[in-house]
C-alpha atoms as a PDB file:
ATOM      1  CA  MET A   1     -64.807   9.571 -60.041  1.00  0.00           C
ATOM      2  CA  THR A   2     -63.689   7.269 -57.171  1.00  0.00           C
ATOM      3  CA  ASP A   3     -63.875  10.103 -54.612  1.00  0.00           C
ATOM      4  CA  ASP A   4     -67.365  11.081 -55.825  1.00  0.00           C
ATOM      5  CA  LEU A   5     -68.515   7.469 -55.668  1.00  0.00           C
ATOM      6  CA  ALA A   6     -67.034   7.033 -52.200  1.00  0.00           C
ATOM      7  CA  SER A   7     -69.101  10.018 -51.040  1.00  0.00           C
ATOM      8  CA  ILE A   8     -72.291   8.733 -52.677  1.00  0.00           C
ATOM      9  CA  LEU A   9     -71.790   5.264 -51.207  1.00  0.00           C
ATOM     10  CA  SER A  10     -71.117   6.455 -47.663  1.00  0.00           C
ATOM     11  CA  PRO A  11     -72.990   4.501 -44.982  1.00  0.00           C
ATOM     12  CA  GLU A  12     -74.989   7.623 -44.100  1.00  0.00           C
ATOM     13  CA  ARG A  13     -76.160   8.144 -47.704  1.00  0.00           C
ATOM     14  CA  LEU A  14     -76.922   4.457 -48.071  1.00  0.00           C
ATOM     15  CA  GLN A  15     -79.073   4.346 -44.931  1.00  0.00           C
ATOM     16  CA  ALA A  16     -80.998   7.383 -46.199  1.00  0.00           C
ATOM     17  CA  GLY A  17     -81.765   5.571 -49.452  1.00  0.00           C
ATOM     18  CA  GLY A  18     -85.208   4.352 -48.501  1.00  0.00           C
ATOM     19  CA  THR A  19     -86.396   1.055 -47.129  1.00  0.00           C
ATOM     20  CA  GLY A  20     -85.411  -2.479 -47.974  1.00  0.00           C
ATOM     21  CA  PRO A  21     -82.363  -4.727 -47.652  1.00  0.00           C
ATOM     22  CA  LEU A  22     -78.887  -3.221 -47.942  1.00  0.00           C
ATOM     23  CA  TYR A  23     -78.247  -4.722 -51.375  1.00  0.00           C
ATOM     24  CA  VAL A  24     -81.425  -3.037 -52.687  1.00  0.00           C
ATOM     25  CA  LYS A  25     -80.294   0.328 -51.280  1.00  0.00           C
ATOM     26  CA  LEU A  26     -76.865  -0.175 -52.831  1.00  0.00           C
ATOM     27  CA  ARG A  27     -78.392  -1.092 -56.178  1.00  0.00           C
ATOM     28  CA  ARG A  28     -80.569   2.059 -56.123  1.00  0.00           C
ATOM     29  CA  THR A  29     -77.551   4.188 -55.237  1.00  0.00           C
ATOM     30  CA  LEU A  30     -75.491   2.793 -58.121  1.00  0.00           C
ATOM     31  CA  GLU A  31     -78.432   3.287 -60.499  1.00  0.00           C
ATOM     32  CA  GLU A  32     -78.633   6.931 -59.386  1.00  0.00           C
ATOM     33  CA  ALA A  33     -74.885   7.353 -59.935  1.00  0.00           C
ATOM     34  CA  VAL A  34     -75.341   6.219 -63.543  1.00  0.00           C
ATOM     35  CA  ARG A  35     -78.417   8.408 -64.074  1.00  0.00           C
ATOM     36  CA  THR A  36     -76.666  11.550 -62.803  1.00  0.00           C
ATOM     37  CA  GLY A  37     -73.444  10.853 -64.706  1.00  0.00           C
ATOM     38  CA  THR A  38     -71.280  10.225 -61.663  1.00  0.00           C
ATOM     39  CA  LEU A  39     -70.717   6.869 -63.332  1.00  0.00           C
ATOM     40  CA  ALA A  40     -70.576   7.545 -67.070  1.00  0.00           C
ATOM     41  CA  HIS A  41     -71.157   5.009 -69.813  1.00  0.00           C
ATOM     42  CA  GLY A  42     -68.002   2.956 -70.242  1.00  0.00           C
ATOM     43  CA  ASP A  43     -66.665   3.746 -66.763  1.00  0.00           C
ATOM     44  CA  ALA A  44     -65.208   0.871 -64.789  1.00  0.00           C
ATOM     45  CA  LEU A  45     -66.603   0.248 -61.319  1.00  0.00           C
ATOM     46  CA  PRO A  46     -64.119   0.082 -58.459  1.00  0.00           C
ATOM     47  CA  PRO A  47     -63.348  -3.439 -57.211  1.00  0.00           C
ATOM     48  CA  GLU A  48     -66.028  -5.049 -55.036  1.00  0.00           C
ATOM     49  CA  ARG A  49     -63.808  -4.804 -51.959  1.00  0.00           C
ATOM     50  CA  ASP A  50     -63.508  -1.024 -52.438  1.00  0.00           C
ATOM     51  CA  ILE A  51     -67.267  -0.573 -52.840  1.00  0.00           C
ATOM     52  CA  ALA A  52     -67.804  -2.719 -49.737  1.00  0.00           C
ATOM     53  CA  GLU A  53     -65.391  -0.472 -47.831  1.00  0.00           C
ATOM     54  CA  PHE A  54     -67.030   2.761 -49.073  1.00  0.00           C
ATOM     55  CA  ALA A  55     -70.502   1.567 -48.048  1.00  0.00           C
ATOM     56  CA  ALA A  56     -69.496  -0.400 -44.941  1.00  0.00           C
ATOM     57  CA  VAL A  57     -71.264  -3.516 -46.210  1.00  0.00           C
ATOM     58  CA  SER A  58     -70.151  -7.047 -46.970  1.00  0.00           C
ATOM     59  CA  ARG A  59     -68.783  -8.101 -50.343  1.00  0.00           C
ATOM     60  CA  VAL A  60     -71.721 -10.516 -50.590  1.00  0.00           C
ATOM     61  CA  THR A  61     -74.076  -7.502 -50.448  1.00  0.00           C
ATOM     62  CA  VAL A  62     -72.030  -5.714 -53.127  1.00  0.00           C
ATOM     63  CA  ARG A  63     -71.998  -8.768 -55.376  1.00  0.00           C
ATOM     64  CA  LYS A  64     -75.767  -9.225 -55.093  1.00  0.00           C
ATOM     65  CA  ALA A  65     -76.444  -5.574 -56.005  1.00  0.00           C
ATOM     66  CA  ILE A  66     -74.062  -5.719 -58.965  1.00  0.00           C
ATOM     67  CA  ASP A  67     -75.484  -9.068 -60.133  1.00  0.00           C
ATOM     68  CA  GLU A  68     -78.940  -7.504 -60.365  1.00  0.00           C
ATOM     69  CA  LEU A  69     -77.638  -4.473 -62.285  1.00  0.00           C
ATOM     70  CA  VAL A  70     -75.818  -6.787 -64.712  1.00  0.00           C
ATOM     71  CA  ALA A  71     -79.017  -8.814 -65.181  1.00  0.00           C
ATOM     72  CA  ASP A  72     -80.885  -5.543 -65.874  1.00  0.00           C
ATOM     73  CA  GLY A  73     -78.297  -4.583 -68.508  1.00  0.00           C
ATOM     74  CA  LEU A  74     -77.124  -1.444 -66.685  1.00  0.00           C
ATOM     75  CA  LEU A  75     -73.700  -2.925 -65.999  1.00  0.00           C
ATOM     76  CA  VAL A  76     -71.654  -5.421 -67.987  1.00  0.00           C
ATOM     77  CA  ARG A  77     -68.925  -7.777 -66.785  1.00  0.00           C
ATOM     78  CA  ARG A  78     -65.889  -8.290 -69.028  1.00  0.00           C
ATOM     79  CA  HIS A  79     -63.869 -11.352 -68.220  1.00  0.00           C
ATOM     80  CA  GLY A  80     -60.446 -10.365 -66.934  1.00  0.00           C
ATOM     81  CA  SER A  81     -61.232  -6.636 -67.107  1.00  0.00           C
ATOM     82  CA  GLY A  82     -63.895  -5.896 -64.491  1.00  0.00           C
ATOM     83  CA  THR A  83     -67.407  -4.440 -64.383  1.00  0.00           C
ATOM     84  CA  PHE A  84     -68.377  -1.461 -66.530  1.00  0.00           C
ATOM     85  CA  VAL A  85     -71.339   0.826 -67.066  1.00  0.00           C
ATOM     86  CA  ALA A  86     -73.088  -0.490 -70.178  1.00  0.00           C
ATOM     87  CA  LYS A  87     -73.510   1.625 -73.277  1.00  0.00           C
ATOM     88  CA  PRO A  88     -77.144   2.645 -73.887  1.00  0.00           C
ATOM     89  CA  VAL A  89     -78.783   0.428 -76.474  1.00  0.00           C
ATOM     90  CA  SER A  90     -80.264   2.065 -79.564  1.00  0.00           C
ATOM     91  CA  LYS A  91     -83.146   0.050 -80.972  1.00  0.00           C
ATOM     92  CA  VAL A  92     -82.902  -0.965 -84.623  1.00  0.00           C
ATOM     93  CA  GLU A  93     -86.149  -1.642 -86.480  1.00  0.00           C
ATOM     94  CA  GLN A  94     -86.214  -3.917 -89.517  1.00  0.00           C
ATOM     95  CA  ARG A  95     -89.242  -4.444 -91.723  1.00  0.00           C
ATOM     96  CA  LEU A  96     -89.894  -7.969 -92.891  1.00  0.00           C
ATOM     97  CA  SER A  97     -91.246  -6.972 -96.299  1.00  0.00           C
ATOM     98  CA  GLN A  98     -87.839  -6.444 -97.976  1.00  0.00           C
ATOM     99  CA  LEU A  99     -84.854  -8.721 -98.543  1.00  0.00           C
ATOM    100  CA  THR A 100     -81.829  -6.591 -97.689  1.00  0.00           C
ATOM    101  CA  SER A 101     -78.439  -7.198 -96.160  1.00  0.00           C
ATOM    102  CA  PHE A 102     -77.372  -6.043 -92.703  1.00  0.00           C
ATOM    103  CA  THR A 103     -74.947  -3.589 -94.323  1.00  0.00           C
ATOM    104  CA  GLU A 104     -77.739  -2.089 -96.450  1.00  0.00           C
ATOM    105  CA  ASP A 105     -80.104  -1.878 -93.447  1.00  0.00           C
ATOM    106  CA  MET A 106     -77.586   0.044 -91.368  1.00  0.00           C
ATOM    107  CA  ALA A 107     -76.564   2.357 -94.233  1.00  0.00           C
ATOM    108  CA  ARG A 108     -80.237   3.263 -94.798  1.00  0.00           C
ATOM    109  CA  ARG A 109     -80.421   4.335 -91.149  1.00  0.00           C
ATOM    110  CA  GLY A 110     -77.247   6.403 -91.392  1.00  0.00           C
ATOM    111  CA  MET A 111     -75.379   3.955 -89.165  1.00  0.00           C
ATOM    112  CA  SER A 112     -71.879   2.669 -89.816  1.00  0.00           C
ATOM    113  CA  SER A 113     -71.600  -1.104 -89.889  1.00  0.00           C
ATOM    114  CA  ARG A 114     -68.753  -3.556 -89.795  1.00  0.00           C
ATOM    115  CA  SER A 115     -68.104  -7.218 -89.144  1.00  0.00           C
ATOM    116  CA  GLU A 116     -65.656  -9.045 -86.937  1.00  0.00           C
ATOM    117  CA  TRP A 117     -64.994 -12.266 -88.769  1.00  0.00           C
ATOM    118  CA  LEU A 118     -65.123 -15.384 -86.633  1.00  0.00           C
ATOM    119  CA  HIS A 119     -64.596 -17.864 -89.472  1.00  0.00           C
ATOM    120  CA  LYS A 120     -64.364 -18.160 -93.261  1.00  0.00           C
ATOM    121  CA  GLY A 121     -63.817 -21.520 -94.888  1.00  0.00           C
ATOM    122  CA  ILE A 122     -64.820 -24.242 -97.320  1.00  0.00           C
ATOM    123  CA  HIS A 123     -66.217 -27.444 -95.824  1.00  0.00           C
ATOM    124  CA  THR A 124     -67.979 -30.682 -96.542  1.00  0.00           C
ATOM    125  CA  PRO A 125     -71.681 -29.838 -96.134  1.00  0.00           C
ATOM    126  CA  SER A 126     -73.682 -31.080 -93.180  1.00  0.00           C
ATOM    127  CA  PRO A 127     -76.892 -33.087 -93.811  1.00  0.00           C
ATOM    128  CA  ASP A 128     -78.948 -29.921 -93.127  1.00  0.00           C
ATOM    129  CA  GLU A 129     -76.902 -27.891 -95.607  1.00  0.00           C
ATOM    130  CA  MET A 130     -77.166 -30.624 -98.249  1.00  0.00           C
ATOM    131  CA  MET A 131     -80.936 -30.812 -97.894  1.00  0.00           C
ATOM    132  CA  ILE A 132     -81.649 -27.060 -97.686  1.00  0.00           C
ATOM    133  CA  LEU A 133     -79.198 -25.944-100.373  1.00  0.00           C
ATOM    134  CA  GLY A 134     -79.804 -28.962-102.610  1.00  0.00           C
ATOM    135  CA  LEU A 135     -76.151 -30.012-102.664  1.00  0.00           C
ATOM    136  CA  GLY A 136     -74.713 -33.229-104.036  1.00  0.00           C
ATOM    137  CA  THR A 137     -72.077 -35.201-102.159  1.00  0.00           C
ATOM    138  CA  ASP A 138     -69.341 -33.771-104.406  1.00  0.00           C
ATOM    139  CA  ILE A 139     -70.166 -30.101-103.718  1.00  0.00           C
ATOM    140  CA  LYS A 140     -68.464 -28.147-100.937  1.00  0.00           C
ATOM    141  CA  VAL A 141     -70.082 -25.384 -98.905  1.00  0.00           C
ATOM    142  CA  SER A 142     -68.660 -21.973 -97.998  1.00  0.00           C
ATOM    143  CA  ARG A 143     -69.261 -21.041 -94.362  1.00  0.00           C
ATOM    144  CA  LEU A 144     -68.958 -17.534 -92.987  1.00  0.00           C
ATOM    145  CA  SER A 145     -69.403 -16.632 -89.321  1.00  0.00           C
ATOM    146  CA  ARG A 146     -69.199 -13.079 -88.041  1.00  0.00           C
ATOM    147  CA  LEU A 147     -70.161 -10.651 -85.327  1.00  0.00           C
ATOM    148  CA  ARG A 148     -72.336  -7.865 -86.770  1.00  0.00           C
ATOM    149  CA  ILE A 149     -71.660  -4.401 -85.333  1.00  0.00           C
ATOM    150  CA  ALA A 150     -73.437  -1.079 -85.924  1.00  0.00           C
ATOM    151  CA  ASP A 151     -72.081   2.203 -84.544  1.00  0.00           C
ATOM    152  CA  ASP A 152     -69.660   0.154 -82.420  1.00  0.00           C
ATOM    153  CA  GLN A 153     -72.548  -1.768 -80.818  1.00  0.00           C
ATOM    154  CA  PRO A 154     -72.593  -5.564 -81.293  1.00  0.00           C
ATOM    155  CA  LEU A 155     -76.044  -6.519 -82.585  1.00  0.00           C
ATOM    156  CA  ALA A 156     -75.929 -10.037 -83.985  1.00  0.00           C
ATOM    157  CA  ILE A 157     -73.945 -13.211 -84.588  1.00  0.00           C
ATOM    158  CA  GLU A 158     -74.420 -14.613 -88.063  1.00  0.00           C
ATOM    159  CA  HIS A 159     -73.517 -18.035 -89.498  1.00  0.00           C
ATOM    160  CA  ALA A 160     -74.053 -18.236 -93.271  1.00  0.00           C
ATOM    161  CA  SER A 161     -73.711 -21.220 -95.606  1.00  0.00           C
ATOM    162  CA  VAL A 162     -73.513 -20.815 -99.383  1.00  0.00           C
ATOM    163  CA  SER A 163     -72.952 -23.514-101.987  1.00  0.00           C
ATOM    164  CA  GLY A 164     -69.394 -23.598-103.294  1.00  0.00           C
ATOM    165  CA  GLU A 165     -70.917 -23.422-106.781  1.00  0.00           C
ATOM    166  CA  PHE A 166     -72.084 -19.876-106.058  1.00  0.00           C
ATOM    167  CA  LEU A 167     -69.342 -18.720-103.668  1.00  0.00           C
ATOM    168  CA  PRO A 168     -66.152 -20.673-104.420  1.00  0.00           C
ATOM    169  CA  ASP A 169     -63.942 -18.313-102.387  1.00  0.00           C
ATOM    170  CA  PRO A 170     -65.453 -17.128 -99.075  1.00  0.00           C
ATOM    171  CA  SER A 171     -62.332 -15.051 -98.367  1.00  0.00           C
ATOM    172  CA  ALA A 172     -63.483 -12.708-101.170  1.00  0.00           C
ATOM    173  CA  VAL A 173     -66.327 -11.436 -98.951  1.00  0.00           C
ATOM    174  CA  ALA A 174     -65.159  -8.159 -97.416  1.00  0.00           C
ATOM    175  CA  ASN A 175     -68.092  -6.715 -95.438  1.00  0.00           C
ATOM    176  CA  SER A 176     -71.285  -7.583 -97.331  1.00  0.00           C
ATOM    177  CA  LEU A 177     -72.051 -11.142 -98.441  1.00  0.00           C
ATOM    178  CA  TYR A 178     -74.869  -9.907-100.666  1.00  0.00           C
ATOM    179  CA  ALA A 179     -72.541  -7.454-102.410  1.00  0.00           C
ATOM    180  CA  GLU A 180     -70.204 -10.312-103.299  1.00  0.00           C
ATOM    181  CA  LEU A 181     -73.091 -12.539-104.445  1.00  0.00           C
ATOM    182  CA  GLU A 182     -74.349  -9.667-106.595  1.00  0.00           C
ATOM    183  CA  ARG A 183     -70.886  -9.287-108.133  1.00  0.00           C
ATOM    184  CA  LEU A 184     -70.975 -13.001-108.954  1.00  0.00           C
ATOM    185  CA  GLY A 185     -74.477 -12.692-110.437  1.00  0.00           C
ATOM    186  CA  VAL A 186     -76.172 -14.880-107.817  1.00  0.00           C
ATOM    187  CA  ARG A 187     -77.754 -12.417-105.396  1.00  0.00           C
ATOM    188  CA  PRO A 188     -80.966 -13.867-103.907  1.00  0.00           C
ATOM    189  CA  VAL A 189     -84.306 -12.276-104.808  1.00  0.00           C
ATOM    190  CA  ARG A 190     -86.537 -13.712-102.076  1.00  0.00           C
ATOM    191  CA  ALA A 191     -86.232 -15.480 -98.735  1.00  0.00           C
ATOM    192  CA  VAL A 192     -88.158 -17.434 -96.141  1.00  0.00           C
ATOM    193  CA  GLN A 193     -87.326 -16.403 -92.596  1.00  0.00           C
ATOM    194  CA  ARG A 194     -88.253 -18.073 -89.307  1.00  0.00           C
ATOM    195  CA  ILE A 195     -87.909 -16.105 -86.043  1.00  0.00           C
ATOM    196  CA  SER A 196     -88.062 -17.632 -82.565  1.00  0.00           C
ATOM    197  CA  ALA A 197     -87.255 -16.551 -79.021  1.00  0.00           C
ATOM    198  CA  THR A 198     -84.165 -17.818 -77.247  1.00  0.00           C
ATOM    199  CA  ASN A 199     -81.877 -17.069 -74.317  1.00  0.00           C
ATOM    200  CA  MET A 200     -78.221 -16.193 -74.667  1.00  0.00           C
ATOM    201  CA  LYS A 201     -75.683 -18.880 -73.882  1.00  0.00           C
ATOM    202  CA  GLU A 202     -72.363 -17.904 -72.350  1.00  0.00           C
ATOM    203  CA  ALA A 203     -70.213 -17.800 -75.515  1.00  0.00           C
ATOM    204  CA  ASP A 204     -72.795 -15.790 -77.473  1.00  0.00           C
ATOM    205  CA  ALA A 205     -73.464 -13.439 -74.537  1.00  0.00           C
ATOM    206  CA  GLN A 206     -69.752 -12.613 -74.288  1.00  0.00           C
ATOM    207  CA  LEU A 207     -69.544 -11.758 -77.994  1.00  0.00           C
ATOM    208  CA  LEU A 208     -72.648  -9.543 -77.825  1.00  0.00           C
ATOM    209  CA  GLY A 209     -71.764  -7.931 -74.502  1.00  0.00           C
ATOM    210  CA  VAL A 210     -74.960  -8.974 -72.723  1.00  0.00           C
ATOM    211  CA  PRO A 211     -75.705 -11.034 -69.597  1.00  0.00           C
ATOM    212  CA  VAL A 212     -75.933 -14.805 -69.925  1.00  0.00           C
ATOM    213  CA  GLY A 213     -79.579 -15.813 -70.253  1.00  0.00           C
ATOM    214  CA  GLN A 214     -80.731 -12.474 -71.720  1.00  0.00           C
ATOM    215  CA  ALA A 215     -83.511 -12.723 -74.282  1.00  0.00           C
ATOM    216  CA  GLY A 216     -82.502 -12.931 -77.928  1.00  0.00           C
ATOM    217  CA  LEU A 217     -84.005 -13.584 -81.346  1.00  0.00           C
ATOM    218  CA  SER A 218     -82.960 -16.709 -83.227  1.00  0.00           C
ATOM    219  CA  ILE A 219     -83.446 -16.349 -86.987  1.00  0.00           C
ATOM    220  CA  GLU A 220     -83.138 -18.938 -89.741  1.00  0.00           C
ATOM    221  CA  ARG A 221     -83.268 -17.671 -93.319  1.00  0.00           C
ATOM    222  CA  ILE A 222     -83.232 -19.528 -96.624  1.00  0.00           C
ATOM    223  CA  SER A 223     -82.680 -17.245 -99.611  1.00  0.00           C
ATOM    224  CA  TYR A 224     -83.487 -18.127-103.215  1.00  0.00           C
ATOM    225  CA  LEU A 225     -82.517 -17.172-106.750  1.00  0.00           C
ATOM    226  CA  GLY A 226     -85.153 -16.245-109.302  1.00  0.00           C
ATOM    227  CA  SER A 227     -84.934 -19.829-110.599  1.00  0.00           C
ATOM    228  CA  GLY A 228     -86.090 -21.120-107.218  1.00  0.00           C
ATOM    229  CA  ARG A 229     -82.677 -22.561-106.276  1.00  0.00           C
ATOM    230  CA  ALA A 230     -81.646 -21.972-102.646  1.00  0.00           C
ATOM    231  CA  VAL A 231     -78.444 -19.928-102.552  1.00  0.00           C
ATOM    232  CA  GLU A 232     -78.009 -19.048 -98.861  1.00  0.00           C
ATOM    233  CA  PHE A 233     -78.821 -20.667 -95.526  1.00  0.00           C
ATOM    234  CA  THR A 234     -78.168 -18.403 -92.542  1.00  0.00           C
ATOM    235  CA  ARG A 235     -78.618 -18.848 -88.809  1.00  0.00           C
ATOM    236  CA  SER A 236     -78.420 -15.621 -86.820  1.00  0.00           C
ATOM    237  CA  LEU A 237     -78.730 -14.616 -83.190  1.00  0.00           C
ATOM    238  CA  TYR A 238     -79.855 -11.028 -82.537  1.00  0.00           C
ATOM    239  CA  ARG A 239     -79.912  -9.069 -79.297  1.00  0.00           C
ATOM    240  CA  GLY A 240     -83.500  -8.929 -78.111  1.00  0.00           C
ATOM    241  CA  ASP A 241     -82.954  -5.532 -76.477  1.00  0.00           C
ATOM    242  CA  ALA A 242     -81.569  -3.925 -79.628  1.00  0.00           C
ATOM    243  CA  TYR A 243     -83.583  -5.244 -82.570  1.00  0.00           C
ATOM    244  CA  ASP A 244     -87.259  -5.047 -83.519  1.00  0.00           C
ATOM    245  CA  PHE A 245     -88.709  -6.873 -86.512  1.00  0.00           C
ATOM    246  CA  VAL A 246     -91.807  -5.203 -87.917  1.00  0.00           C
ATOM    247  CA  ALA A 247     -94.372  -6.730 -90.287  1.00  0.00           C
ATOM    248  CA  GLU A 248     -97.123  -4.742 -91.995  1.00  0.00           C
ATOM    249  CA  LEU A 249    -100.426  -6.599 -92.236  1.00  0.00           C
ATOM    250  CA  THR A 250    -103.402  -5.956 -94.500  1.00  0.00           C
ATOM    251  CA  ILE A 251    -106.893  -7.434 -94.554  1.00  0.00           C
ATOM    252  CA  GLY A 252    -107.062 -10.268 -97.058  1.00  0.00           C
ATOM    253  CA  ALA A 253    -109.893 -10.959 -99.433  1.00  0.00           C
ATOM    254  CA  THR A 254    -112.816 -12.854 -97.907  1.00  0.00           C
END
């Protein structure tokens, strides 16, 4: 792959790559290498100094071209590992008319899902948790934070809070929170969900494998039992390039 890339990035090929500054020509050339498979998904790019030597350009020029390709999502930087060709993103569409879990959504699409647990624990509730979940000062809250992954593609970061009355042992949750709540007889039957636009901060971007500042979807959901009692309060951050939320609208009575 390095020999092929060295040939593609030769000064002669670069100068024949149309008009514009050198970093633009280099960016186009790297894009073409990905499109033709010379650089396959998951491949590591050579070090910047090697690319600069292949193309007879400065490392500043190389860095600027790569920065733009990272911002476009074609390449991804992994701290301590290097720069890689990003995996193509498959869009996931979720309808807002049904209350289902992430695990159920992915299974319905024939996708395998799993979670990387970031935290499970029992805590004193925050003022927000006390108000939303209707908790007294003597009730603890179970908190669960995880990275949601479908077909080996990170899609979302999820932070869930459930009253200790309903989920006394958060370590009992294996993959699906709703499956455990159903086992305990307290699965929610409806929810109110608020979706807003946001930009990825550094820690979240690293977990999701996207550039810092990339668009995302911030979602707050409060789920209720049939009695009207709030059972779950979840804050999630979804990749904006990988998730679509769809609502079906009908004409109301006039």
